[in-house]
């Protein structure tokens, strides 16, 4: 793939082509002129644009939910996915040993994706950068509609809001062999009866106990 092909994919024609080339240059290839600072900038631009879009999409949502949605959309894994879609592995400049092995690390691809965003911002400004990001993240933003909160988090938020104290979990017993144990845990919050949860791990047992108590609270 060539630089021209990348510009077609991101739908941006660079005025300063050197910025785009720099965004695709890893420090192993050039210690002085590489994409580290562009990646630093692109990470901030990406976070700003996605956070702004989430506020527009979910004006009545709680900050905690928005934060979880943002974290699921702005991370190295997601940038890697976008970078692979753009086929950055074919044009990133790295040292000869990496090229010979045809094995570019996921982080290098992810960083280059963020660096391209930084380069677009410097070359065209925030409006074009925002348009590009929203285009590349369109499907993921659409899929962000449903964000599940686990039972322990729900119970903790409820207990802190109502009583300013955390739920109390207590291990009652554990049975079974080491490779397949069963845990019995109870949970209680202020002014409630304890609920019991079972699981093959303490975490699962706590989740099941919290789920029972949350369901009981919701039905009061």
N, C-alpha and C. Protein backbone atom coordinates (compact mmCIF):
# COMPACT_ATOMS: atom_id res chain seq x y z
N UNK A 1 0.84 -1.19 0.00
CA UNK A 1 0.00 0.00 0.00
C UNK A 1 0.88 1.25 0.00
N UNK A 2 0.41 2.32 -0.64
CA UNK A 2 1.15 3.57 -0.72
C UNK A 2 0.46 4.66 0.11
N UNK A 3 1.18 5.75 0.31
CA UNK A 3 0.65 6.90 1.06
C UNK A 3 -0.65 7.40 0.43
N UNK A 4 -0.70 7.44 -0.89
CA UNK A 4 -1.92 7.90 -1.59
C UNK A 4 -3.12 7.03 -1.22
N UNK A 5 -2.88 5.73 -1.10
CA UNK A 5 -3.97 4.80 -0.75
C UNK A 5 -4.49 5.09 0.66
N UNK A 6 -3.56 5.40 1.56
CA UNK A 6 -3.96 5.72 2.93
C UNK A 6 -4.80 6.99 2.97
N UNK A 7 -4.39 8.00 2.23
CA UNK A 7 -5.15 9.25 2.19
C UNK A 7 -6.58 9.01 1.67
N UNK A 8 -6.72 8.10 0.72
CA UNK A 8 -8.05 7.76 0.21
C UNK A 8 -8.88 7.06 1.28
N UNK A 9 -8.23 6.20 2.05
CA UNK A 9 -8.95 5.46 3.10
C UNK A 9 -9.44 6.39 4.21
N UNK A 10 -8.59 7.34 4.61
CA UNK A 10 -8.99 8.25 5.69
C UNK A 10 -9.73 9.47 5.15
N UNK A 11 -9.78 9.60 3.82
CA UNK A 11 -10.49 10.68 3.15
C UNK A 11 -9.93 12.05 3.53
N UNK A 12 -8.60 12.11 3.62
CA UNK A 12 -7.91 13.37 3.94
C UNK A 12 -6.71 13.51 3.00
N UNK A 13 -6.63 14.64 2.32
CA UNK A 13 -5.48 14.94 1.47
C UNK A 13 -4.59 15.91 2.23
N UNK A 14 -3.39 15.47 2.57
CA UNK A 14 -2.50 16.30 3.38
C UNK A 14 -1.89 17.45 2.58
N UNK A 15 -1.88 18.61 3.21
CA UNK A 15 -1.20 19.76 2.62
C UNK A 15 0.31 19.61 2.87
N UNK A 16 0.64 19.13 4.07
CA UNK A 16 2.03 18.87 4.43
C UNK A 16 2.23 17.36 4.52
N UNK A 17 2.66 16.75 3.43
CA UNK A 17 2.81 15.30 3.35
C UNK A 17 3.84 14.78 4.37
N UNK A 18 4.79 15.63 4.75
CA UNK A 18 5.82 15.23 5.70
C UNK A 18 5.22 14.85 7.06
N UNK A 19 4.13 15.51 7.43
CA UNK A 19 3.47 15.19 8.70
C UNK A 19 2.91 13.77 8.67
N UNK A 20 2.31 13.39 7.57
CA UNK A 20 1.76 12.04 7.44
C UNK A 20 2.88 11.00 7.45
N UNK A 21 3.96 11.29 6.75
CA UNK A 21 5.11 10.37 6.73
C UNK A 21 5.70 10.22 8.13
N UNK A 22 5.79 11.34 8.86
CA UNK A 22 6.31 11.30 10.22
C UNK A 22 5.41 10.46 11.13
N UNK A 23 4.10 10.55 10.93
CA UNK A 23 3.16 9.78 11.76
C UNK A 23 3.32 8.28 11.55
N UNK A 24 3.92 7.89 10.44
CA UNK A 24 4.12 6.48 10.12
C UNK A 24 5.55 6.02 10.38
N UNK A 25 6.34 6.88 11.02
CA UNK A 25 7.75 6.57 11.26
C UNK A 25 7.99 6.21 12.72
N UNK A 26 8.38 4.97 12.97
CA UNK A 26 8.65 4.50 14.33
C UNK A 26 10.05 4.94 14.77
N UNK A 27 10.23 5.07 16.07
CA UNK A 27 11.52 5.55 16.59
C UNK A 27 12.67 4.59 16.28
N UNK A 28 12.37 3.32 16.00
CA UNK A 28 13.42 2.37 15.65
C UNK A 28 14.00 2.67 14.27
N UNK A 29 13.24 3.40 13.47
CA UNK A 29 13.68 3.78 12.12
C UNK A 29 14.43 5.12 12.14
N UNK A 30 13.92 6.05 12.95
CA UNK A 30 14.55 7.37 13.05
C UNK A 30 14.38 7.88 14.48
N UNK A 31 15.47 7.99 15.22
CA UNK A 31 15.41 8.40 16.63
C UNK A 31 15.03 9.87 16.80
N UNK A 32 15.26 10.67 15.78
CA UNK A 32 15.02 12.11 15.89
C UNK A 32 13.67 12.55 15.33
N UNK A 33 13.33 12.06 14.16
CA UNK A 33 12.06 12.44 13.53
C UNK A 33 11.17 11.19 13.45
N UNK A 34 10.28 11.07 14.41
CA UNK A 34 9.40 9.91 14.47
C UNK A 34 8.03 10.33 14.97
N UNK A 35 7.17 9.36 15.22
CA UNK A 35 5.76 9.67 15.51
C UNK A 35 5.40 9.76 16.99
N UNK A 36 6.37 9.77 17.89
CA UNK A 36 6.06 9.74 19.32
C UNK A 36 5.23 10.95 19.77
N UNK A 37 5.65 12.15 19.36
CA UNK A 37 4.93 13.35 19.80
C UNK A 37 3.57 13.47 19.10
N UNK A 38 3.51 13.04 17.84
CA UNK A 38 2.22 13.04 17.14
C UNK A 38 1.26 12.06 17.78
N UNK A 39 1.78 10.93 18.24
CA UNK A 39 0.94 9.94 18.94
C UNK A 39 0.41 10.52 20.25
N UNK A 40 1.28 11.25 20.97
CA UNK A 40 0.89 11.92 22.21
C UNK A 40 -0.26 12.90 21.96
N UNK A 41 -0.13 13.69 20.89
CA UNK A 41 -1.17 14.66 20.54
C UNK A 41 -2.44 13.96 20.06
N UNK A 42 -2.28 12.96 19.20
CA UNK A 42 -3.44 12.27 18.65
C UNK A 42 -4.28 11.58 19.71
N UNK A 43 -3.62 11.07 20.73
CA UNK A 43 -4.33 10.41 21.84
C UNK A 43 -5.27 11.41 22.52
N UNK A 44 -4.81 12.63 22.71
CA UNK A 44 -5.63 13.67 23.37
C UNK A 44 -6.77 14.13 22.46
N UNK A 45 -6.47 14.29 21.18
CA UNK A 45 -7.50 14.71 20.22
C UNK A 45 -8.59 13.64 20.13
N UNK A 46 -8.19 12.39 20.06
CA UNK A 46 -9.14 11.28 19.98
C UNK A 46 -10.04 11.25 21.22
N UNK A 47 -9.44 11.38 22.40
CA UNK A 47 -10.23 11.37 23.64
C UNK A 47 -11.23 12.51 23.69
N UNK A 48 -10.79 13.69 23.26
CA UNK A 48 -11.68 14.86 23.25
C UNK A 48 -12.86 14.65 22.31
N UNK A 49 -12.58 14.20 21.09
CA UNK A 49 -13.63 14.04 20.09
C UNK A 49 -14.65 12.98 20.51
N UNK A 50 -14.17 11.84 21.00
CA UNK A 50 -15.09 10.77 21.41
C UNK A 50 -15.89 11.18 22.64
N UNK A 51 -15.24 11.84 23.60
CA UNK A 51 -15.96 12.31 24.80
C UNK A 51 -17.06 13.29 24.42
N UNK A 52 -16.75 14.21 23.52
CA UNK A 52 -17.74 15.20 23.05
C UNK A 52 -18.91 14.50 22.36
N UNK A 53 -18.61 13.50 21.54
CA UNK A 53 -19.65 12.77 20.82
C UNK A 53 -20.54 11.99 21.79
N UNK A 54 -19.94 11.39 22.81
CA UNK A 54 -20.72 10.63 23.78
C UNK A 54 -21.68 11.54 24.55
N UNK A 55 -21.24 12.76 24.86
CA UNK A 55 -22.12 13.72 25.53
C UNK A 55 -23.31 14.08 24.64
N UNK A 56 -23.06 14.17 23.35
CA UNK A 56 -24.14 14.47 22.40
C UNK A 56 -25.10 13.28 22.27
N UNK A 57 -24.55 12.08 22.27
CA UNK A 57 -25.37 10.88 22.09
C UNK A 57 -26.17 10.53 23.35
N UNK A 58 -25.57 10.80 24.52
CA UNK A 58 -26.19 10.40 25.79
C UNK A 58 -26.25 11.57 26.76
N UNK A 59 -27.06 12.58 26.46
CA UNK A 59 -27.10 13.79 27.30
C UNK A 59 -27.61 13.55 28.72
N UNK A 60 -28.36 12.48 28.93
CA UNK A 60 -28.93 12.22 30.25
C UNK A 60 -28.20 11.11 31.01
N UNK A 61 -27.11 10.60 30.42
CA UNK A 61 -26.40 9.48 31.04
C UNK A 61 -25.52 9.96 32.18
N UNK A 62 -25.29 9.08 33.17
CA UNK A 62 -24.43 9.41 34.31
C UNK A 62 -22.97 9.43 33.88
N UNK A 63 -22.17 10.19 34.62
CA UNK A 63 -20.74 10.33 34.30
C UNK A 63 -20.03 8.98 34.33
N UNK A 64 -20.39 8.14 35.29
CA UNK A 64 -19.75 6.83 35.41
C UNK A 64 -19.95 5.96 34.19
N UNK A 65 -21.15 6.00 33.62
CA UNK A 65 -21.45 5.22 32.41
C UNK A 65 -20.70 5.80 31.22
N UNK A 66 -20.68 7.13 31.12
CA UNK A 66 -19.96 7.78 30.02
C UNK A 66 -18.47 7.44 30.08
N UNK A 67 -17.93 7.39 31.29
CA UNK A 67 -16.52 7.08 31.47
C UNK A 67 -16.22 5.66 30.99
N UNK A 68 -17.12 4.72 31.29
CA UNK A 68 -16.93 3.33 30.83
C UNK A 68 -17.02 3.24 29.31
N UNK A 69 -17.96 3.96 28.73
CA UNK A 69 -18.10 3.96 27.27
C UNK A 69 -16.84 4.55 26.62
N UNK A 70 -16.34 5.64 27.20
CA UNK A 70 -15.14 6.28 26.66
C UNK A 70 -13.95 5.32 26.71
N UNK A 71 -13.81 4.64 27.85
CA UNK A 71 -12.68 3.71 28.02
C UNK A 71 -12.75 2.57 27.01
N UNK A 72 -13.96 2.16 26.65
CA UNK A 72 -14.12 1.05 25.70
C UNK A 72 -13.85 1.49 24.26
N UNK A 73 -13.91 2.80 24.02
CA UNK A 73 -13.73 3.33 22.66
C UNK A 73 -12.35 3.93 22.43
N UNK A 74 -11.72 4.40 23.49
CA UNK A 74 -10.41 5.04 23.36
C UNK A 74 -9.39 4.22 24.14
N UNK A 75 -8.77 3.28 23.49
CA UNK A 75 -7.75 2.44 24.09
C UNK A 75 -6.86 1.87 22.99
N UNK A 76 -5.77 1.25 23.39
CA UNK A 76 -4.78 0.73 22.44
C UNK A 76 -5.38 -0.36 21.54
N UNK A 77 -6.25 -1.18 22.11
CA UNK A 77 -6.85 -2.27 21.32
C UNK A 77 -7.71 -1.71 20.20
N UNK A 78 -8.52 -0.70 20.51
CA UNK A 78 -9.40 -0.11 19.51
C UNK A 78 -8.58 0.61 18.43
N UNK A 79 -7.53 1.30 18.85
CA UNK A 79 -6.68 1.99 17.87
C UNK A 79 -5.95 0.97 16.98
N UNK A 80 -5.61 -0.16 17.56
CA UNK A 80 -4.98 -1.23 16.77
C UNK A 80 -5.95 -1.74 15.71
N UNK A 81 -7.20 -1.94 16.11
CA UNK A 81 -8.22 -2.41 15.16
C UNK A 81 -8.37 -1.44 13.99
N UNK A 82 -8.41 -0.15 14.31
CA UNK A 82 -8.53 0.87 13.26
C UNK A 82 -7.28 0.88 12.40
N UNK A 83 -6.12 0.75 13.04
CA UNK A 83 -4.86 0.72 12.31
C UNK A 83 -4.77 -0.46 11.36
N UNK A 84 -5.27 -1.61 11.78
CA UNK A 84 -5.28 -2.79 10.91
C UNK A 84 -6.23 -2.59 9.73
N UNK A 85 -7.37 -1.96 10.02
CA UNK A 85 -8.33 -1.65 8.94
C UNK A 85 -7.69 -0.74 7.90
N UNK A 86 -6.86 0.19 8.37
CA UNK A 86 -6.18 1.12 7.46
C UNK A 86 -4.94 0.49 6.82
N UNK A 87 -4.62 -0.74 7.24
CA UNK A 87 -3.46 -1.47 6.72
C UNK A 87 -2.14 -0.73 6.98
N UNK A 88 -2.04 -0.15 8.17
CA UNK A 88 -0.85 0.61 8.52
C UNK A 88 0.39 -0.27 8.60
N UNK A 89 0.20 -1.55 8.90
CA UNK A 89 1.33 -2.47 9.00
C UNK A 89 2.12 -2.56 7.68
N UNK A 90 1.47 -2.19 6.58
CA UNK A 90 2.13 -2.28 5.28
C UNK A 90 3.00 -1.07 4.96
N UNK A 91 2.78 0.04 5.67
CA UNK A 91 3.53 1.26 5.32
C UNK A 91 4.26 1.92 6.49
N UNK A 92 4.13 1.36 7.70
CA UNK A 92 4.86 1.92 8.83
C UNK A 92 6.36 1.70 8.62
N UNK A 93 7.14 2.75 8.90
CA UNK A 93 8.59 2.66 8.77
C UNK A 93 9.20 2.20 10.10
N UNK A 94 9.80 1.02 10.12
CA UNK A 94 10.48 0.50 11.31
C UNK A 94 11.87 0.04 10.91
N UNK A 95 12.62 -0.47 11.88
CA UNK A 95 13.97 -0.93 11.55
C UNK A 95 13.94 -2.15 10.63
N UNK A 96 15.06 -2.45 10.01
CA UNK A 96 15.11 -3.51 9.00
C UNK A 96 14.81 -4.89 9.56
N UNK A 97 15.20 -5.15 10.83
CA UNK A 97 14.96 -6.47 11.41
C UNK A 97 13.47 -6.74 11.57
N UNK A 98 12.70 -5.70 11.92
CA UNK A 98 11.25 -5.85 12.04
C UNK A 98 10.63 -6.12 10.68
N UNK A 99 11.12 -5.38 9.67
CA UNK A 99 10.59 -5.57 8.32
C UNK A 99 10.89 -6.98 7.82
N UNK A 100 12.12 -7.45 8.10
CA UNK A 100 12.54 -8.76 7.62
C UNK A 100 11.64 -9.86 8.19
N UNK A 101 11.29 -9.71 9.47
CA UNK A 101 10.44 -10.71 10.12
C UNK A 101 8.97 -10.53 9.78
N UNK A 102 8.66 -9.41 9.11
CA UNK A 102 7.27 -9.09 8.75
C UNK A 102 6.36 -9.17 9.97
N UNK A 103 6.88 -8.68 11.09
CA UNK A 103 6.16 -8.80 12.35
C UNK A 103 6.18 -7.47 13.08
N UNK A 104 5.21 -6.62 12.81
CA UNK A 104 5.11 -5.33 13.47
C UNK A 104 4.21 -5.47 14.70
N UNK A 105 4.72 -5.06 15.85
CA UNK A 105 3.98 -5.19 17.10
C UNK A 105 2.65 -4.43 17.04
N UNK A 106 1.68 -4.98 17.77
CA UNK A 106 0.36 -4.33 17.83
C UNK A 106 0.46 -2.90 18.33
N UNK A 107 1.31 -2.67 19.33
CA UNK A 107 1.44 -1.33 19.91
C UNK A 107 1.95 -0.33 18.87
N UNK A 108 2.85 -0.76 17.99
CA UNK A 108 3.39 0.13 16.96
C UNK A 108 2.27 0.57 16.02
N UNK A 109 1.40 -0.37 15.67
CA UNK A 109 0.26 -0.05 14.79
C UNK A 109 -0.72 0.87 15.50
N UNK A 110 -0.98 0.58 16.77
CA UNK A 110 -1.90 1.40 17.57
C UNK A 110 -1.37 2.83 17.71
N UNK A 111 -0.09 2.95 18.03
CA UNK A 111 0.52 4.28 18.19
C UNK A 111 0.49 5.06 16.88
N UNK A 112 0.73 4.37 15.76
CA UNK A 112 0.71 5.04 14.45
C UNK A 112 -0.68 5.57 14.13
N UNK A 113 -1.70 4.82 14.54
CA UNK A 113 -3.09 5.27 14.32
C UNK A 113 -3.33 6.59 15.05
N UNK A 114 -2.90 6.67 16.31
CA UNK A 114 -3.06 7.91 17.08
C UNK A 114 -2.20 9.03 16.49
N UNK A 115 -1.02 8.67 16.01
CA UNK A 115 -0.13 9.68 15.42
C UNK A 115 -0.75 10.29 14.16
N UNK A 116 -1.43 9.47 13.37
CA UNK A 116 -2.11 9.99 12.17
C UNK A 116 -3.18 11.00 12.56
N UNK A 117 -3.90 10.71 13.64
CA UNK A 117 -4.92 11.65 14.12
C UNK A 117 -4.26 12.97 14.52
N UNK A 118 -3.11 12.88 15.20
CA UNK A 118 -2.38 14.09 15.58
C UNK A 118 -1.91 14.86 14.35
N UNK A 119 -1.47 14.13 13.34
CA UNK A 119 -1.00 14.77 12.10
C UNK A 119 -2.15 15.46 11.37
N UNK A 120 -3.31 14.82 11.33
CA UNK A 120 -4.49 15.43 10.69
C UNK A 120 -4.87 16.71 11.42
N UNK A 121 -4.83 16.67 12.75
CA UNK A 121 -5.16 17.85 13.55
C UNK A 121 -4.23 19.02 13.22
N UNK A 122 -2.93 18.74 13.14
CA UNK A 122 -1.96 19.80 12.84
C UNK A 122 -2.10 20.30 11.41
N UNK A 123 -2.45 19.42 10.50
CA UNK A 123 -2.51 19.78 9.08
C UNK A 123 -3.83 20.44 8.70
N UNK A 124 -4.92 20.02 9.32
CA UNK A 124 -6.25 20.50 8.90
C UNK A 124 -7.10 21.10 10.01
N UNK A 125 -6.68 20.95 11.28
CA UNK A 125 -7.48 21.50 12.37
C UNK A 125 -8.45 20.50 12.96
N UNK A 126 -9.16 20.94 13.98
CA UNK A 126 -10.01 20.05 14.77
C UNK A 126 -11.23 19.55 13.99
N UNK A 127 -11.80 20.36 13.11
CA UNK A 127 -13.01 19.94 12.41
C UNK A 127 -12.78 18.72 11.52
N UNK A 128 -11.71 18.74 10.75
CA UNK A 128 -11.40 17.61 9.87
C UNK A 128 -10.97 16.41 10.71
N UNK A 129 -10.21 16.67 11.78
CA UNK A 129 -9.80 15.58 12.67
C UNK A 129 -11.03 14.90 13.27
N UNK A 130 -11.99 15.72 13.71
CA UNK A 130 -13.22 15.18 14.30
C UNK A 130 -14.01 14.37 13.26
N UNK A 131 -14.13 14.89 12.08
CA UNK A 131 -14.85 14.19 11.01
C UNK A 131 -14.21 12.84 10.70
N UNK A 132 -12.88 12.82 10.65
CA UNK A 132 -12.16 11.58 10.36
C UNK A 132 -12.35 10.55 11.46
N UNK A 133 -12.22 10.99 12.71
CA UNK A 133 -12.38 10.08 13.85
C UNK A 133 -13.78 9.49 13.90
N UNK A 134 -14.79 10.34 13.74
CA UNK A 134 -16.17 9.87 13.81
C UNK A 134 -16.49 8.91 12.67
N UNK A 135 -15.84 9.09 11.55
CA UNK A 135 -16.01 8.17 10.43
C UNK A 135 -15.37 6.81 10.73
N UNK A 136 -14.15 6.84 11.25
CA UNK A 136 -13.44 5.59 11.55
C UNK A 136 -14.01 4.86 12.76
N UNK A 137 -14.62 5.59 13.69
CA UNK A 137 -15.17 4.99 14.91
C UNK A 137 -16.70 4.85 14.83
N UNK A 138 -17.27 5.04 13.65
CA UNK A 138 -18.74 5.08 13.52
C UNK A 138 -19.43 3.82 14.04
N UNK A 139 -18.94 2.66 13.63
CA UNK A 139 -19.57 1.40 14.03
C UNK A 139 -19.43 1.19 15.53
N UNK A 140 -18.26 1.48 16.07
CA UNK A 140 -18.04 1.30 17.51
C UNK A 140 -18.90 2.25 18.34
N UNK A 141 -19.08 3.48 17.85
CA UNK A 141 -19.96 4.41 18.55
C UNK A 141 -21.40 3.92 18.54
N UNK A 142 -21.81 3.36 17.41
CA UNK A 142 -23.16 2.81 17.29
C UNK A 142 -23.35 1.65 18.26
N UNK A 143 -22.31 0.84 18.42
CA UNK A 143 -22.39 -0.33 19.31
C UNK A 143 -22.25 0.04 20.79
N UNK A 144 -21.97 1.31 21.08
CA UNK A 144 -21.77 1.73 22.47
C UNK A 144 -23.09 1.98 23.19
N UNK A 145 -24.19 1.80 22.50
CA UNK A 145 -25.51 2.11 23.06
C UNK A 145 -25.76 1.34 24.34
N UNK A 146 -25.30 0.08 24.38
CA UNK A 146 -25.56 -0.76 25.55
C UNK A 146 -24.28 -0.99 26.33
N UNK A 147 -24.19 -0.47 27.51
CA UNK A 147 -23.05 -0.74 28.39
C UNK A 147 -23.56 -1.35 29.69
N UNK A 148 -23.17 -2.58 29.93
CA UNK A 148 -23.65 -3.28 31.11
C UNK A 148 -22.81 -2.92 32.33
N UNK A 149 -23.47 -2.73 33.46
CA UNK A 149 -22.77 -2.50 34.72
C UNK A 149 -22.98 -3.74 35.58
N UNK A 150 -21.90 -4.28 36.11
CA UNK A 150 -22.02 -5.51 36.89
C UNK A 150 -22.74 -5.26 38.21
N UNK A 151 -23.23 -6.34 38.80
CA UNK A 151 -24.06 -6.26 40.00
C UNK A 151 -23.31 -5.65 41.19
N UNK A 152 -22.04 -5.99 41.36
CA UNK A 152 -21.27 -5.44 42.48
C UNK A 152 -21.15 -3.93 42.38
N UNK A 153 -20.94 -3.44 41.16
CA UNK A 153 -20.84 -1.99 40.96
C UNK A 153 -22.17 -1.31 41.25
N UNK A 154 -23.25 -1.92 40.77
CA UNK A 154 -24.58 -1.36 41.02
C UNK A 154 -24.87 -1.28 42.52
N UNK A 155 -24.56 -2.37 43.22
CA UNK A 155 -24.82 -2.40 44.66
C UNK A 155 -23.95 -1.39 45.39
N UNK A 156 -22.70 -1.27 44.99
CA UNK A 156 -21.79 -0.31 45.62
C UNK A 156 -22.29 1.12 45.42
N UNK A 157 -22.70 1.44 44.19
CA UNK A 157 -23.19 2.80 43.90
C UNK A 157 -24.45 3.10 44.72
N UNK A 158 -25.33 2.11 44.82
CA UNK A 158 -26.56 2.30 45.60
C UNK A 158 -26.25 2.53 47.08
N UNK A 159 -25.37 1.67 47.64
CA UNK A 159 -25.04 1.76 49.05
C UNK A 159 -24.35 3.08 49.39
N UNK A 160 -23.45 3.52 48.54
CA UNK A 160 -22.75 4.78 48.79
C UNK A 160 -23.70 5.97 48.69
N UNK A 161 -24.62 5.90 47.73
CA UNK A 161 -25.57 6.99 47.54
C UNK A 161 -26.55 7.09 48.71
N UNK A 162 -27.05 5.94 49.17
CA UNK A 162 -28.08 5.94 50.21
C UNK A 162 -27.52 6.03 51.63
N UNK A 163 -26.37 5.35 51.86
CA UNK A 163 -25.88 5.23 53.24
C UNK A 163 -24.44 5.70 53.45
N UNK A 164 -23.77 6.08 52.37
CA UNK A 164 -22.38 6.57 52.45
C UNK A 164 -21.41 5.51 52.99
N UNK A 165 -21.75 4.24 52.84
CA UNK A 165 -20.85 3.14 53.24
C UNK A 165 -20.86 2.06 52.15
N UNK A 166 -19.79 1.27 52.11
CA UNK A 166 -19.67 0.20 51.13
C UNK A 166 -20.41 -1.05 51.58
N UNK A 167 -20.86 -1.90 50.65
CA UNK A 167 -21.44 -3.20 51.02
C UNK A 167 -20.37 -4.04 51.72
N UNK A 168 -20.83 -4.95 52.57
CA UNK A 168 -19.91 -5.81 53.32
C UNK A 168 -20.06 -7.25 52.82
N UNK A 169 -18.97 -7.81 52.31
CA UNK A 169 -18.96 -9.20 51.83
C UNK A 169 -18.21 -10.06 52.83
N UNK A 170 -18.72 -11.29 53.04
CA UNK A 170 -18.06 -12.20 53.98
C UNK A 170 -18.08 -13.61 53.43
N UNK A 171 -16.90 -14.24 53.42
CA UNK A 171 -16.80 -15.63 52.98
C UNK A 171 -17.34 -16.53 54.08
N UNK A 172 -18.35 -17.31 53.76
CA UNK A 172 -18.95 -18.22 54.74
C UNK A 172 -18.23 -19.56 54.73
N UNK A 173 -18.05 -20.12 53.54
CA UNK A 173 -17.32 -21.38 53.43
C UNK A 173 -16.85 -21.62 52.00
N UNK A 174 -15.87 -22.51 51.87
CA UNK A 174 -15.42 -22.95 50.55
C UNK A 174 -15.25 -24.46 50.58
N UNK A 175 -15.74 -25.11 49.54
CA UNK A 175 -15.71 -26.57 49.49
C UNK A 175 -15.15 -27.04 48.15
N UNK A 176 -14.91 -28.34 48.07
CA UNK A 176 -14.48 -28.93 46.81
C UNK A 176 -12.98 -28.98 46.66
N UNK A 177 -12.51 -29.69 45.63
CA UNK A 177 -11.07 -29.81 45.37
C UNK A 177 -10.48 -28.49 44.89
N UNK A 178 -9.16 -28.39 44.96
CA UNK A 178 -8.47 -27.15 44.57
C UNK A 178 -8.74 -26.75 43.12
N UNK A 179 -8.88 -27.75 42.23
CA UNK A 179 -9.08 -27.43 40.82
C UNK A 179 -10.53 -27.06 40.50
N UNK A 180 -11.43 -27.35 41.46
CA UNK A 180 -12.84 -27.02 41.22
C UNK A 180 -13.54 -26.67 42.54
N UNK A 181 -13.15 -25.53 43.13
CA UNK A 181 -13.75 -25.15 44.42
C UNK A 181 -15.12 -24.50 44.26
N UNK A 182 -15.86 -24.46 45.35
CA UNK A 182 -17.14 -23.75 45.40
C UNK A 182 -17.12 -22.81 46.60
N UNK A 183 -17.44 -21.55 46.35
CA UNK A 183 -17.41 -20.55 47.41
C UNK A 183 -18.83 -20.10 47.75
N UNK A 184 -19.04 -19.86 49.05
CA UNK A 184 -20.32 -19.36 49.54
C UNK A 184 -20.05 -18.04 50.25
N UNK A 185 -20.63 -16.98 49.72
CA UNK A 185 -20.36 -15.63 50.25
C UNK A 185 -21.66 -14.89 50.51
N UNK A 186 -21.69 -14.15 51.60
CA UNK A 186 -22.88 -13.33 51.87
C UNK A 186 -22.52 -11.86 51.77
N UNK A 187 -23.53 -11.07 51.41
CA UNK A 187 -23.34 -9.63 51.30
C UNK A 187 -24.47 -8.93 52.02
N UNK A 188 -24.12 -7.79 52.62
CA UNK A 188 -25.12 -7.02 53.36
C UNK A 188 -24.81 -5.54 53.22
N UNK A 189 -25.85 -4.72 53.12
CA UNK A 189 -25.69 -3.28 53.22
C UNK A 189 -26.55 -2.80 54.38
N UNK A 190 -26.40 -1.55 54.74
CA UNK A 190 -27.13 -1.00 55.89
C UNK A 190 -28.64 -1.16 55.70
N UNK A 191 -29.31 -1.58 56.73
CA UNK A 191 -30.78 -1.76 56.76
C UNK A 191 -31.27 -2.87 55.82
N UNK A 192 -30.41 -3.82 55.50
CA UNK A 192 -30.85 -4.93 54.65
C UNK A 192 -30.51 -6.26 55.30
N UNK A 193 -31.23 -7.30 54.88
CA UNK A 193 -30.87 -8.65 55.28
C UNK A 193 -29.78 -9.15 54.33
N UNK A 194 -28.97 -10.08 54.81
CA UNK A 194 -27.89 -10.62 54.00
C UNK A 194 -28.44 -11.53 52.90
N UNK A 195 -27.76 -11.52 51.77
CA UNK A 195 -28.07 -12.44 50.68
C UNK A 195 -26.84 -13.31 50.40
N UNK A 196 -27.10 -14.55 50.01
CA UNK A 196 -26.04 -15.53 49.80
C UNK A 196 -25.81 -15.76 48.31
N UNK A 197 -24.54 -15.87 47.94
CA UNK A 197 -24.18 -16.17 46.56
C UNK A 197 -23.18 -17.30 46.49
N UNK A 198 -23.29 -18.13 45.46
CA UNK A 198 -22.37 -19.25 45.25
C UNK A 198 -21.62 -19.05 43.94
N UNK A 199 -20.40 -19.61 43.88
CA UNK A 199 -19.63 -19.53 42.64
C UNK A 199 -18.36 -20.33 42.70
N UNK A 200 -17.75 -20.56 41.54
CA UNK A 200 -16.50 -21.32 41.48
C UNK A 200 -15.29 -20.44 41.77
N UNK A 201 -15.55 -19.16 42.00
CA UNK A 201 -14.51 -18.23 42.46
C UNK A 201 -15.16 -17.24 43.41
N UNK A 202 -14.33 -16.60 44.22
CA UNK A 202 -14.88 -15.62 45.17
C UNK A 202 -15.56 -14.48 44.43
N UNK A 203 -14.95 -14.06 43.33
CA UNK A 203 -15.51 -12.96 42.55
C UNK A 203 -16.90 -13.31 42.02
N UNK A 204 -17.04 -14.52 41.48
CA UNK A 204 -18.34 -14.95 40.95
C UNK A 204 -19.38 -15.05 42.05
N UNK A 205 -18.97 -15.58 43.20
CA UNK A 205 -19.89 -15.72 44.33
C UNK A 205 -20.34 -14.34 44.82
N UNK A 206 -19.42 -13.38 44.87
CA UNK A 206 -19.77 -12.02 45.28
C UNK A 206 -20.73 -11.39 44.28
N UNK A 207 -20.48 -11.59 42.99
CA UNK A 207 -21.38 -11.06 41.96
C UNK A 207 -22.78 -11.64 42.11
N UNK A 208 -22.87 -12.94 42.34
CA UNK A 208 -24.18 -13.59 42.48
C UNK A 208 -24.91 -13.12 43.73
N UNK A 209 -24.16 -12.91 44.80
CA UNK A 209 -24.78 -12.41 46.04
C UNK A 209 -25.28 -10.97 45.83
N UNK A 210 -24.45 -10.16 45.19
CA UNK A 210 -24.82 -8.77 44.92
C UNK A 210 -26.04 -8.70 44.01
N UNK A 211 -26.10 -9.58 43.02
CA UNK A 211 -27.24 -9.60 42.10
C UNK A 211 -28.54 -9.91 42.83
N UNK A 212 -28.49 -10.86 43.76
CA UNK A 212 -29.68 -11.20 44.55
C UNK A 212 -30.14 -10.01 45.39
N UNK A 213 -29.18 -9.32 46.00
CA UNK A 213 -29.54 -8.19 46.87
C UNK A 213 -30.08 -7.02 46.04
N UNK A 214 -29.46 -6.76 44.88
CA UNK A 214 -29.94 -5.69 44.00
C UNK A 214 -31.36 -5.99 43.55
N UNK A 215 -31.63 -7.22 43.14
CA UNK A 215 -32.97 -7.61 42.70
C UNK A 215 -33.99 -7.44 43.82
N UNK A 216 -33.59 -7.76 45.04
CA UNK A 216 -34.47 -7.62 46.20
C UNK A 216 -34.78 -6.14 46.46
N UNK A 217 -33.75 -5.29 46.35
CA UNK A 217 -33.93 -3.85 46.56
C UNK A 217 -34.86 -3.28 45.50
N UNK A 218 -34.67 -3.71 44.26
CA UNK A 218 -35.50 -3.20 43.16
C UNK A 218 -36.97 -3.60 43.29
N UNK A 219 -37.22 -4.69 43.98
CA UNK A 219 -38.59 -5.19 44.13
C UNK A 219 -39.29 -4.67 45.38
N UNK A 220 -38.56 -3.89 46.18
CA UNK A 220 -39.17 -3.35 47.41
C UNK A 220 -40.23 -2.28 47.07
